[in-house]
Amino acid sequence: MIDNIFDASLIPEDKNDRLETRKNYGIAADAKVVVGVGRDTPEKNLDFFLRVMSNLVEREKTIYAILVGDCAKTVE
């Protein structure tokens, strides 16, 4: 398990933004979405995030990964 140091309950929830993002990327409403946020620097260890997400997506097709920030590049 990877602990999250952020308290998600402090983030204002706007369901319309979530629905719009899912619509824009063709992600089903019942799919699980994991978001990586940050810059592509060694301390962020994005390679680890990508390896973990790649393994998860191979096993479970209803999981999606989204990268946000300076790390974001189109990956297919």
PDB file of N, CA and C in Angstrom:
ATOM      1  N   MET A   1       0.834  -1.174   0.000  1.00  0.00           N
ATOM      2  CA  MET A   1       0.000   0.000   0.000  1.00  0.00           C
ATOM      3  C   MET A   1       0.883   1.244   0.000  1.00  0.00           C
ATOM      4  N   ILE A   2       0.466   2.256  -0.711  1.00  0.00           N
ATOM      5  CA  ILE A   2       1.166   3.531  -0.743  1.00  0.00           C
ATOM      6  C   ILE A   2       0.318   4.540   0.013  1.00  0.00           C
ATOM      7  N   ASP A   3       0.856   5.038   1.125  1.00  0.00           N
ATOM      8  CA  ASP A   3       0.112   6.012   1.922  1.00  0.00           C
ATOM      9  C   ASP A   3       0.077   7.360   1.226  1.00  0.00           C
ATOM     10  N   ASN A   4      -1.033   8.047   1.358  1.00  0.00           N
ATOM     11  CA  ASN A   4      -1.202   9.375   0.802  1.00  0.00           C
ATOM     12  C   ASN A   4      -1.058  10.382   1.931  1.00  0.00           C
ATOM     13  N   ILE A   5      -0.137  11.344   1.786  1.00  0.00           N
ATOM     14  CA  ILE A   5       0.082  12.309   2.855  1.00  0.00           C
ATOM     15  C   ILE A   5      -0.922  13.451   2.821  1.00  0.00           C
ATOM     16  N   PHE A   6      -1.759  13.497   1.803  1.00  0.00           N
ATOM     17  CA  PHE A   6      -2.740  14.565   1.673  1.00  0.00           C
ATOM     18  C   PHE A   6      -4.095  14.110   2.199  1.00  0.00           C
ATOM     19  N   ASP A   7      -4.813  15.026   2.808  1.00  0.00           N
ATOM     20  CA  ASP A   7      -6.144  14.738   3.316  1.00  0.00           C
ATOM     21  C   ASP A   7      -7.158  15.086   2.226  1.00  0.00           C
ATOM     22  N   ALA A   8      -7.637  14.066   1.529  1.00  0.00           N
ATOM     23  CA  ALA A   8      -8.548  14.275   0.397  1.00  0.00           C
ATOM     24  C   ALA A   8      -9.839  14.962   0.822  1.00  0.00           C
ATOM     25  N   SER A   9     -10.223  14.854   2.087  1.00  0.00           N
ATOM     26  CA  SER A   9     -11.476  15.487   2.535  1.00  0.00           C
ATOM     27  C   SER A   9     -11.374  17.020   2.507  1.00  0.00           C
ATOM     28  N   LEU A  10     -10.169  17.560   2.414  1.00  0.00           N
ATOM     29  CA  LEU A  10      -9.987  19.010   2.357  1.00  0.00           C
ATOM     30  C   LEU A  10     -10.128  19.567   0.944  1.00  0.00           C
ATOM     31  N   ILE A  11     -10.178  18.702  -0.040  1.00  0.00           N
ATOM     32  CA  ILE A  11     -10.295  19.135  -1.434  1.00  0.00           C
ATOM     33  C   ILE A  11     -11.779  19.307  -1.769  1.00  0.00           C
ATOM     34  N   PRO A  12     -12.170  20.496  -2.215  1.00  0.00           N
ATOM     35  CA  PRO A  12     -13.578  20.690  -2.583  1.00  0.00           C
ATOM     36  C   PRO A  12     -13.974  19.701  -3.692  1.00  0.00           C
ATOM     37  N   GLU A  13     -15.122  19.120  -3.554  1.00  0.00           N
ATOM     38  CA  GLU A  13     -15.569  18.135  -4.533  1.00  0.00           C
ATOM     39  C   GLU A  13     -16.535  18.781  -5.518  1.00  0.00           C
ATOM     40  N   ASP A  14     -16.203  18.693  -6.766  1.00  0.00           N
ATOM     41  CA  ASP A  14     -17.068  19.185  -7.829  1.00  0.00           C
ATOM     42  C   ASP A  14     -17.315  18.022  -8.778  1.00  0.00           C
ATOM     43  N   LYS A  15     -18.442  17.357  -8.609  1.00  0.00           N
ATOM     44  CA  LYS A  15     -18.746  16.169  -9.401  1.00  0.00           C
ATOM     45  C   LYS A  15     -18.804  16.468 -10.894  1.00  0.00           C
ATOM     46  N   ASN A  16     -19.167  17.701 -11.266  1.00  0.00           N
ATOM     47  CA  ASN A  16     -19.211  18.044 -12.684  1.00  0.00           C
ATOM     48  C   ASN A  16     -17.823  17.989 -13.309  1.00  0.00           C
ATOM     49  N   ASP A  17     -16.791  18.449 -12.583  1.00  0.00           N
ATOM     50  CA  ASP A  17     -15.427  18.364 -13.090  1.00  0.00           C
ATOM     51  C   ASP A  17     -15.015  16.910 -13.297  1.00  0.00           C
ATOM     52  N   ARG A  18     -15.360  16.078 -12.336  1.00  0.00           N
ATOM     53  CA  ARG A  18     -15.006  14.658 -12.446  1.00  0.00           C
ATOM     54  C   ARG A  18     -15.718  14.018 -13.633  1.00  0.00           C
ATOM     55  N   LEU A  19     -16.986  14.308 -13.783  1.00  0.00           N
ATOM     56  CA  LEU A  19     -17.743  13.737 -14.902  1.00  0.00           C
ATOM     57  C   LEU A  19     -17.201  14.231 -16.238  1.00  0.00           C
ATOM     58  N   GLU A  20     -16.857  15.506 -16.306  1.00  0.00           N
ATOM     59  CA  GLU A  20     -16.317  16.081 -17.543  1.00  0.00           C
ATOM     60  C   GLU A  20     -14.963  15.458 -17.895  1.00  0.00           C
ATOM     61  N   THR A  21     -14.124  15.253 -16.898  1.00  0.00           N
ATOM     62  CA  THR A  21     -12.826  14.615 -17.139  1.00  0.00           C
ATOM     63  C   THR A  21     -13.013  13.196 -17.653  1.00  0.00           C
ATOM     64  N   ARG A  22     -13.902  12.446 -17.028  1.00  0.00           N
ATOM     65  CA  ARG A  22     -14.169  11.079 -17.489  1.00  0.00           C
ATOM     66  C   ARG A  22     -14.687  11.088 -18.929  1.00  0.00           C
ATOM     67  N   LYS A  23     -15.582  12.016 -19.228  1.00  0.00           N
ATOM     68  CA  LYS A  23     -16.140  12.117 -20.581  1.00  0.00           C
ATOM     69  C   LYS A  23     -15.037  12.447 -21.588  1.00  0.00           C
ATOM     70  N   ASN A  24     -14.175  13.412 -21.255  1.00  0.00           N
ATOM     71  CA  ASN A  24     -13.103  13.828 -22.161  1.00  0.00           C
ATOM     72  C   ASN A  24     -12.137  12.700 -22.497  1.00  0.00           C
ATOM     73  N   TYR A  25     -11.898  11.800 -21.538  1.00  0.00           N
ATOM     74  CA  TYR A  25     -10.934  10.731 -21.740  1.00  0.00           C
ATOM     75  C   TYR A  25     -11.582   9.368 -21.982  1.00  0.00           C
ATOM     76  N   GLY A  26     -12.901   9.341 -22.091  1.00  0.00           N
ATOM     77  CA  GLY A  26     -13.585   8.077 -22.371  1.00  0.00           C
ATOM     78  C   GLY A  26     -13.492   7.076 -21.235  1.00  0.00           C
ATOM     79  N   ILE A  27     -13.549   7.566 -20.004  1.00  0.00           N
ATOM     80  CA  ILE A  27     -13.441   6.708 -18.828  1.00  0.00           C
ATOM     81  C   ILE A  27     -14.840   6.477 -18.255  1.00  0.00           C
ATOM     82  N   ALA A  28     -15.197   5.225 -18.095  1.00  0.00           N
ATOM     83  CA  ALA A  28     -16.525   4.870 -17.588  1.00  0.00           C
ATOM     84  C   ALA A  28     -16.730   5.406 -16.170  1.00  0.00           C
ATOM     85  N   ALA A  29     -17.986   5.678 -15.830  1.00  0.00           N
ATOM     86  CA  ALA A  29     -18.322   6.246 -14.526  1.00  0.00           C
ATOM     87  C   ALA A  29     -17.955   5.317 -13.373  1.00  0.00           C
ATOM     88  N   ASP A  30     -17.941   4.006 -13.621  1.00  0.00           N
ATOM     89  CA  ASP A  30     -17.636   3.061 -12.541  1.00  0.00           C
ATOM     90  C   ASP A  30     -16.164   2.640 -12.505  1.00  0.00           C
ATOM     91  N   ALA A  31     -15.342   3.202 -13.381  1.00  0.00           N
ATOM     92  CA  ALA A  31     -13.915   2.871 -13.406  1.00  0.00           C
ATOM     93  C   ALA A  31     -13.185   3.557 -12.255  1.00  0.00           C
ATOM     94  N   LYS A  32     -12.091   2.945 -11.832  1.00  0.00           N
ATOM     95  CA  LYS A  32     -11.247   3.536 -10.797  1.00  0.00           C
ATOM     96  C   LYS A  32     -10.170   4.375 -11.486  1.00  0.00           C
ATOM     97  N   VAL A  33      -9.940   5.575 -10.979  1.00  0.00           N
ATOM     98  CA  VAL A  33      -8.948   6.480 -11.558  1.00  0.00           C
ATOM     99  C   VAL A  33      -7.911   6.802 -10.489  1.00  0.00           C
ATOM    100  N   VAL A  34      -6.639   6.582 -10.836  1.00  0.00           N
ATOM    101  CA  VAL A  34      -5.530   6.908  -9.946  1.00  0.00           C
ATOM    102  C   VAL A  34      -4.765   8.048 -10.595  1.00  0.00           C
ATOM    103  N   VAL A  35      -4.514   9.104  -9.826  1.00  0.00           N
ATOM    104  CA  VAL A  35      -3.860  10.293 -10.375  1.00  0.00           C
ATOM    105  C   VAL A  35      -2.480  10.462  -9.754  1.00  0.00           C
ATOM    106  N   GLY A  36      -1.494  10.664 -10.619  1.00  0.00           N
ATOM    107  CA  GLY A  36      -0.146  11.018 -10.184  1.00  0.00           C
ATOM    108  C   GLY A  36       0.048  12.495 -10.466  1.00  0.00           C
ATOM    109  N   VAL A  37       0.545  13.231  -9.475  1.00  0.00           N
ATOM    110  CA  VAL A  37       0.676  14.679  -9.623  1.00  0.00           C
ATOM    111  C   VAL A  37       2.115  15.081  -9.308  1.00  0.00           C
ATOM    112  N   GLY A  38       2.653  15.949 -10.143  1.00  0.00           N
ATOM    113  CA  GLY A  38       3.970  16.480  -9.820  1.00  0.00           C
ATOM    114  C   GLY A  38       4.847  16.705 -11.029  1.00  0.00           C
ATOM    115  N   ARG A  39       6.100  16.913 -10.726  1.00  0.00           N
ATOM    116  CA  ARG A  39       7.092  17.155 -11.763  1.00  0.00           C
ATOM    117  C   ARG A  39       7.915  15.884 -11.962  1.00  0.00           C
ATOM    118  N   ASP A  40       8.551  15.772 -13.098  1.00  0.00           N
ATOM    119  CA  ASP A  40       9.347  14.592 -13.397  1.00  0.00           C
ATOM    120  C   ASP A  40      10.767  14.787 -12.861  1.00  0.00           C
ATOM    121  N   THR A  41      10.915  14.555 -11.557  1.00  0.00           N
ATOM    122  CA  THR A  41      12.216  14.649 -10.904  1.00  0.00           C
ATOM    123  C   THR A  41      12.445  13.372 -10.092  1.00  0.00           C
ATOM    124  N   PRO A  42      13.687  13.036  -9.789  1.00  0.00           N
ATOM    125  CA  PRO A  42      13.971  11.767  -9.103  1.00  0.00           C
ATOM    126  C   PRO A  42      13.187  11.551  -7.811  1.00  0.00           C
ATOM    127  N   GLU A  43      13.003  12.587  -7.011  1.00  0.00           N
ATOM    128  CA  GLU A  43      12.301  12.388  -5.735  1.00  0.00           C
ATOM    129  C   GLU A  43      10.823  12.054  -5.913  1.00  0.00           C
ATOM    130  N   LYS A  44      10.250  12.378  -7.054  1.00  0.00           N
ATOM    131  CA  LYS A  44       8.845  12.025  -7.318  1.00  0.00           C
ATOM    132  C   LYS A  44       8.701  10.565  -7.736  1.00  0.00           C
ATOM    133  N   ASN A  45       9.777   9.971  -8.238  1.00  0.00           N
ATOM    134  CA  ASN A  45       9.820   8.552  -8.600  1.00  0.00           C
ATOM    135  C   ASN A  45       8.650   8.145  -9.504  1.00  0.00           C
ATOM    136  N   LEU A  46       8.451   8.898 -10.562  1.00  0.00           N
ATOM    137  CA  LEU A  46       7.346   8.604 -11.478  1.00  0.00           C
ATOM    138  C   LEU A  46       7.509   7.261 -12.167  1.00  0.00           C
ATOM    139  N   ASP A  47       8.750   6.783 -12.315  1.00  0.00           N
ATOM    140  CA  ASP A  47       8.954   5.452 -12.897  1.00  0.00           C
ATOM    141  C   ASP A  47       8.232   4.389 -12.072  1.00  0.00           C
ATOM    142  N   PHE A  48       8.299   4.521 -10.756  1.00  0.00           N
ATOM    143  CA  PHE A  48       7.612   3.582  -9.868  1.00  0.00           C
ATOM    144  C   PHE A  48       6.104   3.645 -10.094  1.00  0.00           C
ATOM    145  N   PHE A  49       5.556   4.860 -10.131  1.00  0.00           N
ATOM    146  CA  PHE A  49       4.121   5.048 -10.376  1.00  0.00           C
ATOM    147  C   PHE A  49       3.717   4.387 -11.695  1.00  0.00           C
ATOM    148  N   LEU A  50       4.498   4.624 -12.738  1.00  0.00           N
ATOM    149  CA  LEU A  50       4.175   4.065 -14.055  1.00  0.00           C
ATOM    150  C   LEU A  50       4.264   2.544 -14.067  1.00  0.00           C
ATOM    151  N   ARG A  51       5.255   1.976 -13.406  1.00  0.00           N
ATOM    152  CA  ARG A  51       5.375   0.509 -13.336  1.00  0.00           C
ATOM    153  C   ARG A  51       4.187  -0.095 -12.602  1.00  0.00           C
ATOM    154  N   VAL A  52       3.846   0.494 -11.459  1.00  0.00           N
ATOM    155  CA  VAL A  52       2.725  -0.024 -10.663  1.00  0.00           C
ATOM    156  C   VAL A  52       1.426   0.067 -11.458  1.00  0.00           C
ATOM    157  N   MET A  53       1.187   1.233 -12.063  1.00  0.00           N
ATOM    158  CA  MET A  53      -0.050   1.411 -12.816  1.00  0.00           C
ATOM    159  C   MET A  53      -0.098   0.496 -14.039  1.00  0.00           C
ATOM    160  N   SER A  54       1.019   0.305 -14.693  1.00  0.00           N
ATOM    161  CA  SER A  54       1.058  -0.595 -15.848  1.00  0.00           C
ATOM    162  C   SER A  54       0.659  -2.015 -15.432  1.00  0.00           C
ATOM    163  N   ASN A  55       1.188  -2.476 -14.314  1.00  0.00           N
ATOM    164  CA  ASN A  55       0.839  -3.815 -13.813  1.00  0.00           C
ATOM    165  C   ASN A  55      -0.629  -3.900 -13.433  1.00  0.00           C
ATOM    166  N   LEU A  56      -1.145  -2.874 -12.780  1.00  0.00           N
ATOM    167  CA  LEU A  56      -2.554  -2.878 -12.385  1.00  0.00           C
ATOM    168  C   LEU A  56      -3.485  -2.891 -13.596  1.00  0.00           C
ATOM    169  N   VAL A  57      -3.183  -2.049 -14.570  1.00  0.00           N
ATOM    170  CA  VAL A  57      -4.043  -1.942 -15.758  1.00  0.00           C
ATOM    171  C   VAL A  57      -4.036  -3.249 -16.552  1.00  0.00           C
ATOM    172  N   GLU A  58      -2.901  -3.934 -16.565  1.00  0.00           N
ATOM    173  CA  GLU A  58      -2.837  -5.237 -17.244  1.00  0.00           C
ATOM    174  C   GLU A  58      -3.796  -6.237 -16.604  1.00  0.00           C
ATOM    175  N   ARG A  59      -3.920  -6.182 -15.286  1.00  0.00           N
ATOM    176  CA  ARG A  59      -4.767  -7.134 -14.561  1.00  0.00           C
ATOM    177  C   ARG A  59      -6.213  -6.687 -14.450  1.00  0.00           C
ATOM    178  N   GLU A  60      -6.439  -5.389 -14.402  1.00  0.00           N
ATOM    179  CA  GLU A  60      -7.784  -4.850 -14.176  1.00  0.00           C
ATOM    180  C   GLU A  60      -8.054  -3.719 -15.157  1.00  0.00           C
ATOM    181  N   LYS A  61      -8.854  -3.995 -16.161  1.00  0.00           N
ATOM    182  CA  LYS A  61      -9.097  -3.032 -17.243  1.00  0.00           C
ATOM    183  C   LYS A  61      -9.976  -1.852 -16.839  1.00  0.00           C
ATOM    184  N   THR A  62     -10.504  -1.859 -15.606  1.00  0.00           N
ATOM    185  CA  THR A  62     -11.329  -0.727 -15.166  1.00  0.00           C
ATOM    186  C   THR A  62     -10.538   0.271 -14.328  1.00  0.00           C
ATOM    187  N   ILE A  63      -9.207   0.151 -14.340  1.00  0.00           N
ATOM    188  CA  ILE A  63      -8.348   1.099 -13.638  1.00  0.00           C
ATOM    189  C   ILE A  63      -7.653   1.977 -14.674  1.00  0.00           C
ATOM    190  N   TYR A  64      -7.663   3.273 -14.423  1.00  0.00           N
ATOM    191  CA  TYR A  64      -7.019   4.245 -15.314  1.00  0.00           C
ATOM    192  C   TYR A  64      -6.023   5.068 -14.514  1.00  0.00           C
ATOM    193  N   ALA A  65      -4.939   5.473 -15.160  1.00  0.00           N
ATOM    194  CA  ALA A  65      -3.952   6.350 -14.534  1.00  0.00           C
ATOM    195  C   ALA A  65      -3.907   7.663 -15.302  1.00  0.00           C
ATOM    196  N   ILE A  66      -3.850   8.756 -14.560  1.00  0.00           N
ATOM    197  CA  ILE A  66      -3.728  10.081 -15.161  1.00  0.00           C
ATOM    198  C   ILE A  66      -2.557  10.783 -14.487  1.00  0.00           C
ATOM    199  N   LEU A  67      -1.672  11.365 -15.293  1.00  0.00           N
ATOM    200  CA  LEU A  67      -0.571  12.166 -14.768  1.00  0.00           C
ATOM    201  C   LEU A  67      -0.919  13.636 -14.934  1.00  0.00           C
ATOM    202  N   VAL A  68      -0.712  14.421 -13.883  1.00  0.00           N
ATOM    203  CA  VAL A  68      -1.025  15.838 -13.892  1.00  0.00           C
ATOM    204  C   VAL A  68       0.222  16.615 -13.469  1.00  0.00           C
ATOM    205  N   GLY A  69       0.510  17.697 -14.180  1.00  0.00           N
ATOM    206  CA  GLY A  69       1.644  18.533 -13.820  1.00  0.00           C
ATOM    207  C   GLY A  69       2.714  18.497 -14.895  1.00  0.00           C
ATOM    208  N   ASP A  70       3.918  18.912 -14.519  1.00  0.00           N
ATOM    209  CA  ASP A  70       5.022  18.932 -15.469  1.00  0.00           C
ATOM    210  C   ASP A  70       5.403  17.542 -15.965  1.00  0.00           C
ATOM    211  N   CYS A  71       4.937  16.532 -15.263  1.00  0.00           N
ATOM    212  CA  CYS A  71       5.243  15.157 -15.647  1.00  0.00           C
ATOM    213  C   CYS A  71       4.356  14.681 -16.788  1.00  0.00           C
ATOM    214  N   ALA A  72       3.273  15.397 -17.041  1.00  0.00           N
ATOM    215  CA  ALA A  72       2.265  14.914 -17.980  1.00  0.00           C
ATOM    216  C   ALA A  72       2.748  14.953 -19.421  1.00  0.00           C
ATOM    217  N   LYS A  73       2.778  13.771 -20.034  1.00  0.00           N
ATOM    218  CA  LYS A  73       3.063  13.622 -21.441  1.00  0.00           C
ATOM    219  C   LYS A  73       2.061  12.605 -21.984  1.00  0.00           C
ATOM    220  N   THR A  74       1.742  12.684 -23.248  1.00  0.00           N
ATOM    221  CA  THR A  74       0.803  11.730 -23.822  1.00  0.00           C
ATOM    222  C   THR A  74       1.485  10.373 -23.928  1.00  0.00           C
ATOM    223  N   VAL A  75       0.877   9.367 -23.308  1.00  0.00           N
ATOM    224  CA  VAL A  75       1.401   8.006 -23.337  1.00  0.00           C
ATOM    225  C   VAL A  75       0.311   7.089 -23.840  1.00  0.00           C
ATOM    226  N   GLU A  76       0.657   6.266 -24.791  1.00  0.00           N
ATOM    227  CA  GLU A  76      -0.338   5.311 -25.307  1.00  0.00           C
ATOM    228  C   GLU A  76       0.142   3.908 -25.144  1.00  0.00           C
TER     229      GLU A  76
END
